[in-house]
C-alpha cells in the first residue's frame, strides 16, 4: 500500500508542476500541519485520513517545484470550505456551513458549486493574495474574516 501511495503522490505532484508551468503560476496548499490531531470524525473516516500522506504529497511537490522554479505557498485552511469563492461570504454561525455534502450553496449570493472545487478555488485565491501582495480587492473583501488578515 505504501509503494502505491508513494507512486500516486509522485504522479499527482508531477501533474501539479506541469500545470503550474503551463499557467506560469505558483502552487497553493492548505497548511495541514496537525490535521490528524484536529480531525473529529468517525473511526472509519479517521483511519482513511491517517492513511493518506498529506505531507508526502506536499514534500514531493515542493521538491519538484524547487527544481522547476515554482513557488509553493501554504495558506491557513480555516474557513476555506465554508467561504463562498464568488462573494467571499462565510456562514455567520460558528460550526455551521453552506456546504452540504458535495454541494456548496451560498446563502448570501446563491452561488452553487461542487464543495471541493469551491474550497480549492478559495485556496488558490488565498495563495494569489499571499504571492502577490498588491492584489488588494480580494484582501479587502476578506479582511477580518480569515486569520490571514487579523484584526488589529
N, C-alpha and C. Protein backbone atom coordinates (compact mmCIF):
# COMPACT_ATOMS: atom_id res chain seq x y z
N UNK A 1 0.82 -1.20 0.00
CA UNK A 1 0.00 0.00 0.00
C UNK A 1 0.86 1.26 0.00
N UNK A 2 1.96 1.28 0.76
CA UNK A 2 2.78 2.49 0.83
C UNK A 2 3.50 2.76 -0.49
N UNK A 3 3.88 1.71 -1.23
CA UNK A 3 4.50 1.91 -2.54
C UNK A 3 3.50 2.54 -3.50
N UNK A 4 2.27 2.06 -3.46
CA UNK A 4 1.22 2.60 -4.31
C UNK A 4 0.95 4.07 -3.96
N UNK A 5 0.87 4.36 -2.68
CA UNK A 5 0.63 5.72 -2.21
C UNK A 5 1.75 6.65 -2.67
N UNK A 6 2.97 6.18 -2.57
CA UNK A 6 4.13 6.97 -3.00
C UNK A 6 4.05 7.23 -4.50
N UNK A 7 3.70 6.20 -5.27
CA UNK A 7 3.58 6.33 -6.72
C UNK A 7 2.49 7.34 -7.07
N UNK A 8 1.34 7.25 -6.39
CA UNK A 8 0.24 8.18 -6.64
C UNK A 8 0.68 9.61 -6.32
N UNK A 9 1.32 9.81 -5.17
CA UNK A 9 1.76 11.15 -4.79
C UNK A 9 2.80 11.71 -5.75
N UNK A 10 3.70 10.86 -6.25
CA UNK A 10 4.67 11.32 -7.26
C UNK A 10 3.94 11.77 -8.53
N UNK A 11 2.95 11.01 -8.95
CA UNK A 11 2.22 11.37 -10.17
C UNK A 11 1.38 12.63 -9.99
N UNK A 12 0.74 12.76 -8.85
CA UNK A 12 -0.04 13.98 -8.59
C UNK A 12 0.88 15.19 -8.57
N UNK A 13 2.02 15.07 -7.88
CA UNK A 13 2.95 16.21 -7.79
C UNK A 13 3.50 16.57 -9.17
N UNK A 14 3.77 15.57 -9.98
CA UNK A 14 4.25 15.83 -11.35
C UNK A 14 3.21 16.60 -12.15
N UNK A 15 1.94 16.19 -12.03
CA UNK A 15 0.86 16.87 -12.75
C UNK A 15 0.68 18.30 -12.25
N UNK A 16 0.81 18.50 -10.95
CA UNK A 16 0.71 19.86 -10.39
C UNK A 16 1.80 20.76 -10.96
N UNK A 17 3.01 20.26 -11.02
CA UNK A 17 4.14 21.04 -11.55
C UNK A 17 3.92 21.36 -13.02
N UNK A 18 3.50 20.37 -13.80
CA UNK A 18 3.26 20.59 -15.23
C UNK A 18 2.19 21.66 -15.45
N UNK A 19 1.12 21.59 -14.67
CA UNK A 19 0.04 22.58 -14.80
C UNK A 19 0.51 23.97 -14.39
N UNK A 20 1.27 24.05 -13.31
CA UNK A 20 1.79 25.35 -12.85
C UNK A 20 2.73 25.95 -13.90
N UNK A 21 3.52 25.11 -14.55
CA UNK A 21 4.41 25.60 -15.61
C UNK A 21 3.60 26.14 -16.79
N UNK A 22 2.56 25.41 -17.19
CA UNK A 22 1.70 25.86 -18.29
C UNK A 22 1.07 27.22 -17.98
N UNK A 23 0.62 27.38 -16.74
CA UNK A 23 -0.08 28.60 -16.34
C UNK A 23 0.85 29.69 -15.81
N UNK A 24 2.14 29.37 -15.71
CA UNK A 24 3.12 30.28 -15.13
C UNK A 24 2.64 30.79 -13.76
N UNK A 25 2.31 29.84 -12.90
CA UNK A 25 1.74 30.21 -11.60
C UNK A 25 2.41 29.45 -10.46
N UNK A 26 2.10 29.88 -9.27
CA UNK A 26 2.56 29.20 -8.07
C UNK A 26 1.55 28.10 -7.72
N UNK A 27 1.89 27.31 -6.71
CA UNK A 27 1.00 26.25 -6.23
C UNK A 27 0.68 26.56 -4.78
N UNK A 28 -0.61 26.55 -4.44
CA UNK A 28 -1.03 26.81 -3.06
C UNK A 28 -1.57 25.53 -2.43
N UNK A 29 -1.13 25.28 -1.23
CA UNK A 29 -1.61 24.16 -0.42
C UNK A 29 -2.19 24.70 0.87
N UNK A 30 -3.17 24.00 1.41
CA UNK A 30 -3.57 24.28 2.78
C UNK A 30 -2.44 23.79 3.68
N UNK A 31 -2.14 24.54 4.71
CA UNK A 31 -1.15 24.09 5.69
C UNK A 31 -1.87 23.11 6.62
N UNK A 32 -1.69 21.83 6.37
CA UNK A 32 -2.42 20.80 7.10
C UNK A 32 -1.63 20.25 8.28
N UNK A 33 -0.67 21.00 8.77
CA UNK A 33 0.08 20.57 9.95
C UNK A 33 -0.89 20.30 11.09
N UNK A 34 -0.80 19.13 11.67
CA UNK A 34 -1.63 18.78 12.81
C UNK A 34 -3.05 18.38 12.47
N UNK A 35 -3.37 18.13 11.20
CA UNK A 35 -4.75 17.79 10.83
C UNK A 35 -5.22 16.51 11.51
N UNK A 36 -4.32 15.58 11.67
CA UNK A 36 -4.72 14.31 12.29
C UNK A 36 -5.11 14.51 13.75
N UNK A 37 -4.55 15.52 14.38
CA UNK A 37 -4.89 15.80 15.77
C UNK A 37 -6.21 16.55 15.87
N UNK A 38 -6.54 17.35 14.83
CA UNK A 38 -7.74 18.20 14.87
C UNK A 38 -9.00 17.50 14.36
N UNK A 39 -8.84 16.40 13.63
CA UNK A 39 -9.97 15.78 12.97
C UNK A 39 -10.87 15.05 13.96
N UNK A 40 -12.15 15.42 13.96
CA UNK A 40 -13.14 14.79 14.83
C UNK A 40 -14.19 14.13 13.95
N UNK A 41 -13.93 12.89 13.56
CA UNK A 41 -14.85 12.16 12.70
C UNK A 41 -14.93 10.71 13.16
N UNK A 42 -15.81 9.97 12.52
CA UNK A 42 -15.96 8.54 12.86
C UNK A 42 -14.64 7.81 12.65
N UNK A 43 -14.49 6.71 13.37
CA UNK A 43 -13.24 5.94 13.35
C UNK A 43 -12.86 5.51 11.94
N UNK A 44 -13.82 5.04 11.14
CA UNK A 44 -13.52 4.57 9.78
C UNK A 44 -12.94 5.70 8.93
N UNK A 45 -13.55 6.88 9.00
CA UNK A 45 -13.06 8.02 8.22
C UNK A 45 -11.71 8.47 8.75
N UNK A 46 -11.55 8.49 10.08
CA UNK A 46 -10.27 8.89 10.68
C UNK A 46 -9.15 7.95 10.22
N UNK A 47 -9.44 6.65 10.12
CA UNK A 47 -8.46 5.68 9.65
C UNK A 47 -8.05 6.00 8.21
N UNK A 48 -9.02 6.32 7.36
CA UNK A 48 -8.71 6.67 5.97
C UNK A 48 -7.86 7.94 5.89
N UNK A 49 -8.21 8.95 6.69
CA UNK A 49 -7.44 10.20 6.71
C UNK A 49 -6.01 9.92 7.13
N UNK A 50 -5.83 9.09 8.14
CA UNK A 50 -4.50 8.80 8.65
C UNK A 50 -3.66 7.99 7.66
N UNK A 51 -4.31 7.31 6.75
CA UNK A 51 -3.57 6.53 5.76
C UNK A 51 -3.03 7.41 4.63
N UNK A 52 -3.71 8.51 4.35
CA UNK A 52 -3.28 9.32 3.21
C UNK A 52 -2.14 10.22 3.62
N UNK A 53 -1.12 10.29 2.79
CA UNK A 53 0.11 11.00 3.13
C UNK A 53 0.05 12.44 2.63
N UNK A 54 -0.64 13.32 3.38
CA UNK A 54 -0.71 14.73 3.01
C UNK A 54 0.69 15.32 2.87
N UNK A 55 1.47 15.09 3.90
CA UNK A 55 2.79 15.70 3.97
C UNK A 55 3.70 15.18 2.86
N UNK A 56 3.60 13.89 2.54
CA UNK A 56 4.42 13.32 1.48
C UNK A 56 4.11 14.00 0.14
N UNK A 57 2.84 14.21 -0.15
CA UNK A 57 2.46 14.89 -1.40
C UNK A 57 3.04 16.30 -1.42
N UNK A 58 2.94 16.99 -0.33
CA UNK A 58 3.48 18.35 -0.26
C UNK A 58 5.00 18.34 -0.45
N UNK A 59 5.69 17.40 0.20
CA UNK A 59 7.15 17.31 0.05
C UNK A 59 7.55 17.02 -1.39
N UNK A 60 6.87 16.07 -2.03
CA UNK A 60 7.17 15.75 -3.42
C UNK A 60 6.94 16.97 -4.31
N UNK A 61 5.86 17.67 -4.07
CA UNK A 61 5.54 18.86 -4.87
C UNK A 61 6.56 19.96 -4.62
N UNK A 62 6.92 20.20 -3.36
CA UNK A 62 7.91 21.24 -3.04
C UNK A 62 9.26 20.93 -3.68
N UNK A 63 9.66 19.67 -3.64
CA UNK A 63 10.94 19.25 -4.22
C UNK A 63 10.94 19.53 -5.73
N UNK A 64 9.90 19.10 -6.42
CA UNK A 64 9.82 19.28 -7.87
C UNK A 64 9.62 20.76 -8.23
N UNK A 65 8.88 21.48 -7.41
CA UNK A 65 8.66 22.90 -7.66
C UNK A 65 9.96 23.68 -7.52
N UNK A 66 10.78 23.31 -6.55
CA UNK A 66 12.07 23.96 -6.35
C UNK A 66 12.95 23.80 -7.58
N UNK A 67 12.98 22.61 -8.13
CA UNK A 67 13.77 22.35 -9.34
C UNK A 67 13.23 23.17 -10.52
N UNK A 68 11.90 23.27 -10.61
CA UNK A 68 11.26 23.98 -11.73
C UNK A 68 11.17 25.49 -11.52
N UNK A 69 11.56 25.97 -10.34
CA UNK A 69 11.49 27.41 -10.06
C UNK A 69 10.07 27.90 -9.80
N UNK A 70 9.24 27.05 -9.24
CA UNK A 70 7.84 27.39 -8.96
C UNK A 70 7.67 27.59 -7.46
N UNK A 71 6.97 28.65 -7.08
CA UNK A 71 6.70 28.90 -5.66
C UNK A 71 5.61 27.97 -5.15
N UNK A 72 5.79 27.48 -3.93
CA UNK A 72 4.75 26.72 -3.23
C UNK A 72 4.36 27.55 -2.02
N UNK A 73 3.08 27.84 -1.91
CA UNK A 73 2.56 28.72 -0.86
C UNK A 73 1.63 27.92 0.05
N UNK A 74 1.81 28.09 1.35
CA UNK A 74 0.93 27.44 2.32
C UNK A 74 -0.05 28.47 2.85
N UNK A 75 -1.33 28.13 2.83
CA UNK A 75 -2.35 29.04 3.34
C UNK A 75 -3.06 28.40 4.52
N UNK A 76 -3.60 29.23 5.37
CA UNK A 76 -4.36 28.78 6.53
C UNK A 76 -5.62 28.07 6.05
N UNK A 77 -5.86 26.84 6.49
CA UNK A 77 -7.02 26.10 5.99
C UNK A 77 -8.36 26.52 6.58
N UNK A 78 -8.33 27.34 7.62
CA UNK A 78 -9.58 27.71 8.27
C UNK A 78 -10.51 28.47 7.33
N UNK A 79 -11.74 28.03 7.29
CA UNK A 79 -12.84 28.64 6.53
C UNK A 79 -12.77 28.43 5.01
N UNK A 80 -11.76 27.73 4.50
CA UNK A 80 -11.67 27.59 3.04
C UNK A 80 -12.84 26.80 2.46
N UNK A 81 -13.40 25.88 3.22
CA UNK A 81 -14.54 25.12 2.70
C UNK A 81 -15.87 25.75 3.09
N UNK A 82 -15.85 26.75 3.96
CA UNK A 82 -17.08 27.39 4.41
C UNK A 82 -17.32 28.75 3.76
N UNK A 83 -16.33 29.23 3.01
CA UNK A 83 -16.40 30.55 2.38
C UNK A 83 -16.85 30.42 0.93
N UNK A 84 -17.72 31.30 0.50
CA UNK A 84 -18.16 31.33 -0.90
C UNK A 84 -17.00 31.86 -1.75
N UNK A 85 -16.62 31.11 -2.76
CA UNK A 85 -15.50 31.54 -3.61
C UNK A 85 -15.88 32.67 -4.56
N UNK A 86 -17.17 32.96 -4.68
CA UNK A 86 -17.60 34.07 -5.54
C UNK A 86 -17.69 35.38 -4.76
N UNK A 87 -18.44 35.39 -3.64
CA UNK A 87 -18.65 36.65 -2.91
C UNK A 87 -17.84 36.72 -1.61
N UNK A 88 -17.19 35.61 -1.24
CA UNK A 88 -16.31 35.52 -0.05
C UNK A 88 -17.07 35.65 1.26
N UNK A 89 -18.36 35.34 1.23
CA UNK A 89 -19.16 35.37 2.46
C UNK A 89 -18.94 34.06 3.22
N UNK A 90 -18.86 34.17 4.55
CA UNK A 90 -18.71 33.00 5.41
C UNK A 90 -20.01 32.83 6.19
N UNK A 91 -20.45 31.60 6.32
CA UNK A 91 -21.67 31.34 7.08
C UNK A 91 -21.55 31.98 8.45
N UNK A 92 -22.56 32.75 8.88
CA UNK A 92 -22.44 33.56 10.09
C UNK A 92 -22.44 32.81 11.42
N UNK A 93 -22.85 31.55 11.45
CA UNK A 93 -22.90 30.82 12.72
C UNK A 93 -21.70 29.88 12.84
N UNK A 94 -20.99 29.99 13.94
CA UNK A 94 -19.81 29.15 14.18
C UNK A 94 -20.21 27.67 14.14
N UNK A 95 -19.40 26.89 13.43
CA UNK A 95 -19.65 25.46 13.34
C UNK A 95 -20.64 25.06 12.27
N UNK A 96 -21.24 26.03 11.59
CA UNK A 96 -22.20 25.75 10.52
C UNK A 96 -21.55 26.10 9.19
N UNK A 97 -22.18 25.67 8.10
CA UNK A 97 -21.59 25.91 6.79
C UNK A 97 -22.67 25.92 5.72
N UNK A 98 -22.37 26.54 4.58
CA UNK A 98 -23.23 26.48 3.41
C UNK A 98 -23.00 25.16 2.68
N UNK A 99 -22.01 24.42 3.11
CA UNK A 99 -21.66 23.16 2.47
C UNK A 99 -22.61 22.06 2.94
N UNK A 100 -23.12 21.30 1.97
CA UNK A 100 -24.00 20.18 2.27
C UNK A 100 -23.51 18.99 1.45
N UNK A 101 -22.62 18.20 2.04
CA UNK A 101 -22.04 17.08 1.30
C UNK A 101 -21.17 17.60 0.17
N UNK A 102 -21.49 17.21 -1.05
CA UNK A 102 -20.70 17.63 -2.22
C UNK A 102 -21.16 18.97 -2.80
N UNK A 103 -22.21 19.55 -2.25
CA UNK A 103 -22.74 20.79 -2.79
C UNK A 103 -22.49 21.96 -1.85
N UNK A 104 -21.97 23.04 -2.42
CA UNK A 104 -21.83 24.30 -1.68
C UNK A 104 -22.84 25.26 -2.27
N UNK A 105 -23.69 25.82 -1.43
CA UNK A 105 -24.66 26.81 -1.89
C UNK A 105 -24.61 28.00 -0.94
N UNK A 106 -24.18 29.15 -1.47
CA UNK A 106 -24.05 30.35 -0.66
C UNK A 106 -25.43 30.93 -0.36
N UNK A 107 -25.68 31.19 0.91
CA UNK A 107 -26.94 31.78 1.32
C UNK A 107 -26.96 33.28 1.14
N UNK A 108 -25.82 33.85 0.74
CA UNK A 108 -25.73 35.30 0.56
C UNK A 108 -25.94 35.68 -0.90
N UNK A 109 -25.21 35.00 -1.83
CA UNK A 109 -25.31 35.36 -3.26
C UNK A 109 -25.94 34.26 -4.10
N UNK A 110 -26.31 33.13 -3.49
CA UNK A 110 -26.96 31.98 -4.15
C UNK A 110 -26.04 31.21 -5.09
N UNK A 111 -24.75 31.45 -5.04
CA UNK A 111 -23.79 30.71 -5.87
C UNK A 111 -23.80 29.24 -5.46
N UNK A 112 -23.86 28.34 -6.45
CA UNK A 112 -23.81 26.90 -6.19
C UNK A 112 -22.65 26.29 -6.95
N UNK A 113 -21.94 25.38 -6.28
CA UNK A 113 -20.81 24.71 -6.92
C UNK A 113 -20.48 23.44 -6.14
N UNK A 114 -19.69 22.58 -6.75
CA UNK A 114 -19.14 21.43 -6.04
C UNK A 114 -18.34 21.96 -4.85
N UNK A 115 -18.57 21.41 -3.68
CA UNK A 115 -17.95 21.96 -2.46
C UNK A 115 -16.43 21.83 -2.47
N UNK A 116 -15.88 20.77 -3.07
CA UNK A 116 -14.43 20.63 -3.13
C UNK A 116 -13.81 21.67 -4.06
N UNK A 117 -14.47 21.92 -5.18
CA UNK A 117 -13.96 22.93 -6.12
C UNK A 117 -14.08 24.32 -5.50
N UNK A 118 -15.16 24.58 -4.79
CA UNK A 118 -15.30 25.86 -4.09
C UNK A 118 -14.15 26.06 -3.12
N UNK A 119 -13.85 25.05 -2.31
CA UNK A 119 -12.74 25.14 -1.35
C UNK A 119 -11.40 25.30 -2.04
N UNK A 120 -11.18 24.54 -3.11
CA UNK A 120 -9.92 24.64 -3.85
C UNK A 120 -9.75 26.03 -4.47
N UNK A 121 -10.85 26.61 -4.94
CA UNK A 121 -10.80 27.96 -5.50
C UNK A 121 -10.41 28.96 -4.43
N UNK A 122 -10.95 28.80 -3.22
CA UNK A 122 -10.57 29.69 -2.12
C UNK A 122 -9.09 29.55 -1.78
N UNK A 123 -8.58 28.33 -1.79
CA UNK A 123 -7.15 28.11 -1.51
C UNK A 123 -6.31 28.80 -2.58
N UNK A 124 -6.70 28.65 -3.84
CA UNK A 124 -5.96 29.30 -4.94
C UNK A 124 -6.01 30.82 -4.80
N UNK A 125 -7.18 31.36 -4.45
CA UNK A 125 -7.30 32.82 -4.30
C UNK A 125 -6.47 33.32 -3.13
N UNK A 126 -6.47 32.60 -2.02
CA UNK A 126 -5.63 32.99 -0.89
C UNK A 126 -4.15 32.90 -1.26
N UNK A 127 -3.78 31.87 -2.00
CA UNK A 127 -2.40 31.74 -2.46
C UNK A 127 -1.99 32.91 -3.34
N UNK A 128 -2.91 33.37 -4.19
CA UNK A 128 -2.62 34.52 -5.05
C UNK A 128 -2.42 35.78 -4.22
N UNK A 129 -3.23 35.95 -3.19
CA UNK A 129 -3.10 37.13 -2.32
C UNK A 129 -1.76 37.11 -1.60
N UNK A 130 -1.37 35.95 -1.10
CA UNK A 130 -0.10 35.82 -0.39
C UNK A 130 1.07 36.03 -1.35
N UNK A 131 0.95 35.49 -2.56
CA UNK A 131 2.03 35.55 -3.53
C UNK A 131 2.16 36.92 -4.18
N UNK A 132 1.07 37.69 -4.26
CA UNK A 132 1.09 38.99 -4.90
C UNK A 132 0.42 40.01 -3.99
N UNK A 133 1.15 40.53 -3.02
CA UNK A 133 0.55 41.42 -2.03
C UNK A 133 -0.17 42.63 -2.60
N UNK A 134 0.10 43.01 -3.83
CA UNK A 134 -0.55 44.16 -4.44
C UNK A 134 -2.01 43.92 -4.78
N UNK A 135 -2.46 42.66 -4.72
CA UNK A 135 -3.85 42.35 -5.02
C UNK A 135 -4.67 42.68 -3.78
N UNK A 136 -5.30 43.84 -3.79
CA UNK A 136 -5.98 44.28 -2.58
C UNK A 136 -7.49 44.07 -2.60
N UNK A 137 -8.10 43.89 -3.77
CA UNK A 137 -9.55 43.76 -3.84
C UNK A 137 -10.00 42.54 -3.04
N UNK A 138 -9.39 41.41 -3.30
CA UNK A 138 -9.76 40.18 -2.59
C UNK A 138 -9.41 40.31 -1.12
N UNK A 139 -8.26 40.86 -0.84
CA UNK A 139 -7.83 41.00 0.55
C UNK A 139 -8.81 41.87 1.33
N UNK A 140 -9.30 42.94 0.71
CA UNK A 140 -10.25 43.82 1.40
C UNK A 140 -11.56 43.10 1.69
N UNK A 141 -12.01 42.27 0.76
CA UNK A 141 -13.25 41.55 0.97
C UNK A 141 -13.13 40.55 2.11
N UNK A 142 -11.93 40.03 2.31
CA UNK A 142 -11.73 39.02 3.35
C UNK A 142 -11.27 39.60 4.68
N UNK A 143 -10.92 40.86 4.70
CA UNK A 143 -10.35 41.45 5.90
C UNK A 143 -11.24 41.19 7.12
N UNK A 144 -10.63 40.67 8.16
CA UNK A 144 -11.35 40.38 9.39
C UNK A 144 -12.09 39.05 9.38
N UNK A 145 -12.18 38.39 8.23
CA UNK A 145 -12.88 37.11 8.16
C UNK A 145 -11.94 35.92 8.27
N UNK A 146 -10.76 36.04 7.70
CA UNK A 146 -9.79 34.95 7.74
C UNK A 146 -8.61 35.34 8.60
N UNK A 147 -7.98 34.37 9.19
CA UNK A 147 -6.86 34.66 10.08
C UNK A 147 -5.65 35.20 9.33
N UNK A 148 -5.67 35.09 8.00
CA UNK A 148 -4.60 35.67 7.21
C UNK A 148 -4.60 37.19 7.38
N UNK A 149 -5.76 37.76 7.70
CA UNK A 149 -5.91 39.19 7.85
C UNK A 149 -6.44 39.49 9.26
N UNK A 150 -5.59 39.33 10.28
CA UNK A 150 -6.08 39.52 11.65
C UNK A 150 -6.51 40.95 11.91
N UNK A 151 -7.55 41.10 12.73
CA UNK A 151 -8.00 42.43 13.13
C UNK A 151 -6.97 43.02 14.08
N UNK A 152 -6.66 44.29 13.91
CA UNK A 152 -5.70 44.94 14.81
C UNK A 152 -6.36 46.04 15.59
